[in-house]
């Protein structure tokens, strides 16, 4: 079983317009779409579409939180969120279909009380059945300490749970100190972890090697249209996606991560695991807003992903 933890979930509202003009009094929406959001929630949505059941954990509150629950129910996503007093945030994505441009504004999130955080940790302590993988991903709302991911990683590792970390900034760097099983930083996040600029492919290979030396078993560095690198005990692989028309990059990294973790549960070899992950991430950019990927799209793209071993 795969569990995800989203501490700062959201309602993702995509507003589609034609020829957005900044400063104009009226820009009329042609379409408004609501999706349940947050990195862990996105991973669960993709896993469900790929035929793998999972459970979404986290914090939800207020009217927005109820709407997120309803949207998850409509998709058939299993979830067990702790109800909080604050109002779950709303993220706004404006998509100009004529200019093919996107403007995204993320909400901050509600203040989380020490009591609510304690209740959540208690829930994680008593997860049953124990997950094979626990994916910790996304930003932190106000009131949650930056070391929370490290704390949870160390806690569940003692039960034999494999942890996956996908965050940024201090929560990522502190979480990495807990030596999760897998991390998936992007270009900028990897630079932040190592404190230096990465420019050439060899820089990313060395970065993955360095992170593995720190006790992280699998390191996957995503590089957008340049593909991804996966480093593990068996070696290092690079996967390059095919060229496609990008409609939205929101959730592409989450789709990638879902594809990768699913492949690991199916015991695929590293080359096929990173191939499937890149195909899932690429399929995601074909959908507007946070529409994420569909299984049929992923399968069509698989043969077009170029994977090679790097010695």
Protein backbone atom coordinates (compact mmCIF):
# COMPACT_ATOMS: atom_id res chain seq x y z
CA UNK A 1 0.00 0.00 0.00
CA UNK A 2 1.18 3.52 -0.83
CA UNK A 3 0.30 6.39 1.51
CA UNK A 4 0.86 10.07 0.79
CA UNK A 5 1.05 12.93 3.27
CA UNK A 6 -0.01 16.42 2.16
CA UNK A 7 0.37 18.97 4.95
CA UNK A 8 -0.67 21.96 2.81
CA UNK A 9 -3.35 20.71 0.40
CA UNK A 10 -5.33 23.05 -1.80
CA UNK A 11 -8.26 23.54 -4.06
CA UNK A 12 -6.72 24.16 -7.48
CA UNK A 13 -8.96 26.42 -9.56
CA UNK A 14 -8.08 26.74 -13.25
CA UNK A 15 -9.61 29.68 -15.11
CA UNK A 16 -9.34 29.55 -18.90
CA UNK A 17 -9.50 32.82 -20.85
CA UNK A 18 -8.70 34.04 -24.34
CA UNK A 19 -6.14 36.80 -24.82
CA UNK A 20 -5.64 37.84 -21.20
CA UNK A 21 -4.89 41.57 -20.93
CA UNK A 22 -3.36 42.74 -17.66
CA UNK A 23 -4.95 46.00 -16.55
CA UNK A 24 -8.15 45.47 -18.52
CA UNK A 25 -11.21 45.83 -16.32
CA UNK A 26 -12.90 42.69 -17.61
CA UNK A 27 -11.25 39.45 -18.75
CA UNK A 28 -14.05 36.93 -19.13
CA UNK A 29 -13.59 33.31 -18.05
CA UNK A 30 -14.48 30.75 -20.70
CA UNK A 31 -14.11 27.79 -18.37
CA UNK A 32 -13.56 27.27 -14.64
CA UNK A 33 -12.34 23.94 -13.35
CA UNK A 34 -11.72 22.81 -9.75
CA UNK A 35 -9.32 20.00 -8.84
CA UNK A 36 -8.15 18.67 -5.48
CA UNK A 37 -4.57 19.88 -5.12
CA UNK A 38 -1.37 19.46 -3.20
CA UNK A 39 1.58 17.30 -4.22
CA UNK A 40 0.64 14.18 -2.26
CA UNK A 41 -2.97 14.39 -3.40
CA UNK A 42 -1.80 14.68 -7.00
CA UNK A 43 0.31 11.55 -6.56
CA UNK A 44 -2.75 9.63 -5.30
CA UNK A 45 -4.85 10.86 -8.23
CA UNK A 46 -2.23 9.67 -10.72
CA UNK A 47 -1.77 6.33 -8.97
CA UNK A 48 -5.52 5.76 -9.15
CA UNK A 49 -5.51 6.42 -12.89
CA UNK A 50 -2.60 4.05 -13.31
CA UNK A 51 -4.49 1.28 -11.54
CA UNK A 52 -2.81 1.44 -8.12
CA UNK A 53 -4.81 2.18 -4.98
CA UNK A 54 -3.36 4.48 -2.36
CA UNK A 55 -4.42 6.51 0.67
CA UNK A 56 -4.11 10.29 0.99
CA UNK A 57 -3.34 11.65 4.46
CA UNK A 58 -3.01 15.25 5.58
CA UNK A 59 -4.87 18.30 6.88
CA UNK A 60 -8.13 19.75 5.55
CA UNK A 61 -10.44 22.40 6.94
CA UNK A 62 -13.36 24.71 6.28
CA UNK A 63 -15.63 24.92 3.25
CA UNK A 64 -12.68 24.54 0.88
CA UNK A 65 -11.59 21.38 2.70
CA UNK A 66 -15.08 19.89 2.33
CA UNK A 67 -15.04 20.64 -1.39
CA UNK A 68 -11.63 18.97 -1.75
CA UNK A 69 -13.00 15.88 0.01
CA UNK A 70 -16.00 15.82 -2.31
CA UNK A 71 -13.80 16.09 -5.39
CA UNK A 72 -11.64 13.23 -4.11
CA UNK A 73 -14.74 11.12 -3.50
CA UNK A 74 -15.92 11.75 -7.05
CA UNK A 75 -12.61 10.43 -8.38
CA UNK A 76 -12.69 7.40 -6.10
CA UNK A 77 -9.56 8.44 -4.18
CA UNK A 78 -9.20 6.90 -0.71
CA UNK A 79 -8.38 9.49 1.95
CA UNK A 80 -8.19 9.99 5.70
CA UNK A 81 -7.57 13.68 6.41
CA UNK A 82 -7.52 15.27 9.83
CA UNK A 83 -10.13 18.02 10.14
CA UNK A 84 -8.57 21.34 11.21
CA UNK A 85 -10.07 24.68 12.23
CA UNK A 86 -8.43 26.75 9.50
CA UNK A 87 -9.59 27.10 5.90
CA UNK A 88 -7.75 25.03 3.29
CA UNK A 89 -6.05 27.29 0.74
CA UNK A 90 -7.06 27.97 -2.86
CA UNK A 91 -4.53 28.09 -5.70
CA UNK A 92 -5.49 30.01 -8.84
CA UNK A 93 -4.16 29.15 -12.30
CA UNK A 94 -5.13 31.44 -15.18
CA UNK A 95 -4.59 29.83 -18.57
CA UNK A 96 -4.63 31.97 -21.72
CA UNK A 97 -5.42 29.48 -24.47
CA UNK A 98 -4.70 31.96 -27.29
CA UNK A 99 -1.23 32.97 -26.09
CA UNK A 100 -0.62 29.58 -24.39
CA UNK A 101 0.49 31.35 -21.24
CA UNK A 102 -0.10 30.50 -17.60
CA UNK A 103 -0.20 32.61 -14.44
CA UNK A 104 -0.34 30.79 -11.11
CA UNK A 105 -0.92 32.26 -7.66
CA UNK A 106 -0.64 29.88 -4.68
CA UNK A 107 -2.37 30.47 -1.37
CA UNK A 108 -0.30 30.35 1.82
CA UNK A 109 -2.37 27.88 3.80
CA UNK A 110 -4.02 27.98 7.25
CA UNK A 111 -2.26 28.25 10.59
CA UNK A 112 -1.83 24.77 12.10
CA UNK A 113 -2.01 24.54 15.88
CA UNK A 114 0.35 22.37 17.98
CA UNK A 115 -2.67 20.27 18.98
CA UNK A 116 -3.63 19.60 15.36
CA UNK A 117 -0.07 18.67 14.47
CA UNK A 118 0.11 16.33 17.45
CA UNK A 119 -3.14 14.62 16.37
CA UNK A 120 -1.77 14.10 12.89
CA UNK A 121 1.45 12.55 14.20
CA UNK A 122 -0.61 10.24 16.39
CA UNK A 123 -2.60 9.17 13.32
CA UNK A 124 0.61 8.40 11.44
CA UNK A 125 1.89 6.38 14.39
CA UNK A 126 -1.13 4.08 14.18
CA UNK A 127 -1.39 3.56 10.42
CA UNK A 128 -2.82 0.15 9.58
CA UNK A 129 -1.96 -1.63 7.48
CA UNK A 130 1.56 -0.27 7.47
CA UNK A 131 2.40 1.32 4.13
CA UNK A 132 5.12 -0.05 1.91
CA UNK A 133 5.84 3.54 0.88
CA UNK A 134 4.99 6.81 2.62
CA UNK A 135 5.36 9.80 0.29
CA UNK A 136 5.98 13.11 2.08
CA UNK A 137 5.58 15.98 -0.31
CA UNK A 138 4.82 19.64 -0.73
CA UNK A 139 5.14 22.90 1.14
CA UNK A 140 4.37 23.45 4.81
CA UNK A 141 1.55 25.66 6.11
CA UNK A 142 2.15 28.23 8.88
CA UNK A 143 2.67 26.68 12.29
CA UNK A 144 4.38 23.51 11.02
CA UNK A 145 8.11 23.35 11.85
CA UNK A 146 10.58 22.93 9.00
CA UNK A 147 11.96 19.73 10.57
CA UNK A 148 8.60 17.90 10.40
CA UNK A 149 9.53 15.69 7.43
CA UNK A 150 12.77 14.55 9.09
CA UNK A 151 10.84 13.78 12.25
CA UNK A 152 8.25 11.68 10.44
CA UNK A 153 10.88 9.90 8.31
CA UNK A 154 12.81 8.80 11.39
CA UNK A 155 9.58 7.76 13.09
CA UNK A 156 8.19 5.46 10.38
CA UNK A 157 11.57 4.08 9.29
CA UNK A 158 11.69 2.25 12.60
CA UNK A 159 8.62 0.30 11.42
CA UNK A 160 10.26 -0.67 8.13
CA UNK A 161 8.36 1.85 6.00
CA UNK A 162 10.15 3.19 2.90
CA UNK A 163 9.89 6.97 2.82
CA UNK A 164 9.86 9.24 -0.23
CA UNK A 165 10.60 12.96 0.12
CA UNK A 166 9.59 15.61 -2.41
CA UNK A 167 9.74 19.15 -1.07
CA UNK A 168 11.92 22.25 -1.32
CA UNK A 169 14.00 24.62 0.73
CA UNK A 170 14.61 23.96 4.43
CA UNK A 171 11.95 21.19 4.76
CA UNK A 172 13.77 19.30 1.98
CA UNK A 173 17.29 19.79 3.33
CA UNK A 174 16.29 18.90 6.89
CA UNK A 175 14.18 15.99 5.67
CA UNK A 176 17.10 14.63 3.65
CA UNK A 177 19.06 14.42 6.92
CA UNK A 178 16.61 11.70 7.96
CA UNK A 179 17.91 9.58 5.05
CA UNK A 180 14.66 8.76 3.26
CA UNK A 181 14.61 5.85 0.83
CA UNK A 182 14.03 8.13 -2.18
CA UNK A 183 14.22 11.84 -2.93
CA UNK A 184 13.09 13.59 -6.13
CA UNK A 185 14.49 17.12 -6.29
CA UNK A 186 14.30 19.20 -9.47
CA UNK A 187 17.14 21.33 -10.84
CA UNK A 188 16.74 24.25 -8.42
CA UNK A 189 16.01 22.04 -5.41
CA UNK A 190 19.16 20.00 -6.05
CA UNK A 191 21.21 23.20 -6.18
CA UNK A 192 19.66 24.23 -2.88
CA UNK A 193 20.50 20.89 -1.29
CA UNK A 194 24.14 21.03 -2.34
CA UNK A 195 24.64 24.79 -2.17
CA UNK A 196 26.10 25.16 -5.65
CA UNK A 197 25.10 25.76 -9.26
CA UNK A 198 24.59 22.80 -11.59
CA UNK A 199 25.01 23.43 -15.31
CA UNK A 200 26.27 20.37 -17.19
CA UNK A 201 24.86 16.86 -17.19
CA UNK A 202 27.94 15.65 -15.32
CA UNK A 203 27.10 18.13 -12.56
CA UNK A 204 23.78 16.38 -12.02
CA UNK A 205 25.40 12.94 -12.11
CA UNK A 206 27.87 14.02 -9.45
CA UNK A 207 25.03 15.55 -7.43
CA UNK A 208 23.09 12.29 -7.48
CA UNK A 209 26.24 10.39 -6.44
CA UNK A 210 26.88 12.84 -3.59
CA UNK A 211 23.32 12.53 -2.27
CA UNK A 212 23.53 8.75 -2.39
CA UNK A 213 26.73 8.90 -0.37
CA UNK A 214 24.72 10.69 2.32
CA UNK A 215 22.67 7.53 2.84
CA UNK A 216 19.76 8.04 0.43
CA UNK A 217 19.19 4.81 -1.48
CA UNK A 218 17.52 6.21 -4.61
CA UNK A 219 18.06 9.69 -5.99
CA UNK A 220 16.00 10.93 -8.91
CA UNK A 221 16.72 14.42 -10.24
CA UNK A 222 14.05 15.77 -12.59
CA UNK A 223 15.17 18.28 -15.22
CA UNK A 224 11.94 19.17 -17.03
CA UNK A 225 12.20 18.88 -20.82
CA UNK A 226 15.79 17.64 -20.38
CA UNK A 227 14.48 14.51 -18.68
CA UNK A 228 15.53 12.87 -15.45
CA UNK A 229 18.40 11.05 -13.81
CA UNK A 230 17.94 8.03 -11.55
CA UNK A 231 20.83 6.84 -9.39
CA UNK A 232 20.70 3.74 -7.20
CA UNK A 233 22.88 0.84 -6.09
CA UNK A 234 22.63 -0.82 -9.53
CA UNK A 235 23.93 2.25 -11.38
CA UNK A 236 22.74 5.48 -12.99
CA UNK A 237 20.28 6.08 -15.84
CA UNK A 238 19.18 9.08 -17.84
CA UNK A 239 15.72 9.31 -19.46
CA UNK A 240 14.90 11.92 -22.11
CA UNK A 241 11.21 12.66 -22.88
CA UNK A 242 9.80 13.15 -26.37
CA UNK A 243 8.93 16.65 -27.56
CA UNK A 244 5.25 17.47 -26.93
CA UNK A 245 2.99 20.51 -26.81
CA UNK A 246 2.89 21.73 -23.21
CA UNK A 247 -0.52 22.83 -21.90
CA UNK A 248 0.39 22.92 -18.20
CA UNK A 249 3.39 21.87 -16.13
CA UNK A 250 1.38 21.86 -12.88
CA UNK A 251 1.52 18.37 -11.38
CA UNK A 252 4.09 17.02 -13.86
CA UNK A 253 6.58 16.30 -11.10
CA UNK A 254 3.87 14.58 -9.05
CA UNK A 255 2.93 12.42 -12.05
CA UNK A 256 6.60 11.54 -12.48
CA UNK A 257 6.87 10.56 -8.82
CA UNK A 258 3.69 8.47 -8.95
CA UNK A 259 5.00 6.59 -11.97
CA UNK A 260 8.36 6.00 -10.29
CA UNK A 261 6.96 4.73 -6.98
CA UNK A 262 4.43 2.54 -8.79
CA UNK A 263 7.27 1.01 -10.80
CA UNK A 264 9.20 0.31 -7.60
CA UNK A 265 6.24 -1.52 -6.07
CA UNK A 266 6.07 -3.62 -9.27
CA UNK A 267 9.81 -4.43 -8.95
CA UNK A 268 10.68 -2.97 -12.35
CA UNK A 269 14.38 -2.56 -13.12
CA UNK A 270 15.75 0.99 -12.82
CA UNK A 271 15.77 1.67 -16.57
CA UNK A 272 12.10 0.76 -16.97
CA UNK A 273 11.16 2.55 -13.75
CA UNK A 274 12.60 5.88 -14.89
CA UNK A 275 11.16 5.35 -18.39
CA UNK A 276 7.66 4.92 -16.96
CA UNK A 277 8.12 7.89 -14.61
CA UNK A 278 9.20 10.22 -17.43
CA UNK A 279 6.32 9.01 -19.62
CA UNK A 280 3.88 9.81 -16.79
CA UNK A 281 5.38 13.25 -16.24
CA UNK A 282 5.28 14.00 -19.96
CA UNK A 283 1.68 12.82 -20.27
CA UNK A 284 0.73 15.22 -17.49
CA UNK A 285 1.80 18.33 -19.41
CA UNK A 286 -0.67 17.46 -22.17
CA UNK A 287 -3.60 18.29 -19.84
CA UNK A 288 -4.68 21.84 -18.82
CA UNK A 289 -4.49 23.00 -15.21
CA UNK A 290 -4.00 20.11 -12.82
CA UNK A 291 -5.71 17.59 -15.07
CA UNK A 292 -2.68 15.30 -14.65
CA UNK A 293 -2.06 12.24 -16.83
CA UNK A 294 -4.14 9.34 -18.09
CA UNK A 295 -2.95 5.72 -18.40
CA UNK A 296 -3.55 5.60 -22.18
CA UNK A 297 -1.35 8.67 -22.69
CA UNK A 298 1.44 7.19 -20.60
CA UNK A 299 1.41 3.93 -22.55
CA UNK A 300 1.54 5.77 -25.88
CA UNK A 301 4.57 7.77 -24.75
CA UNK A 302 6.59 4.90 -23.25
CA UNK A 303 8.31 3.85 -26.47
CA UNK A 304 9.24 7.47 -27.21
CA UNK A 305 11.21 7.95 -23.97
CA UNK A 306 14.93 7.50 -24.59
CA UNK A 307 16.68 5.74 -21.70
CA UNK A 308 20.39 5.03 -21.45
CA UNK A 309 22.71 3.85 -18.75
CA UNK A 310 25.47 6.23 -17.71
CA UNK A 311 28.67 4.61 -16.47
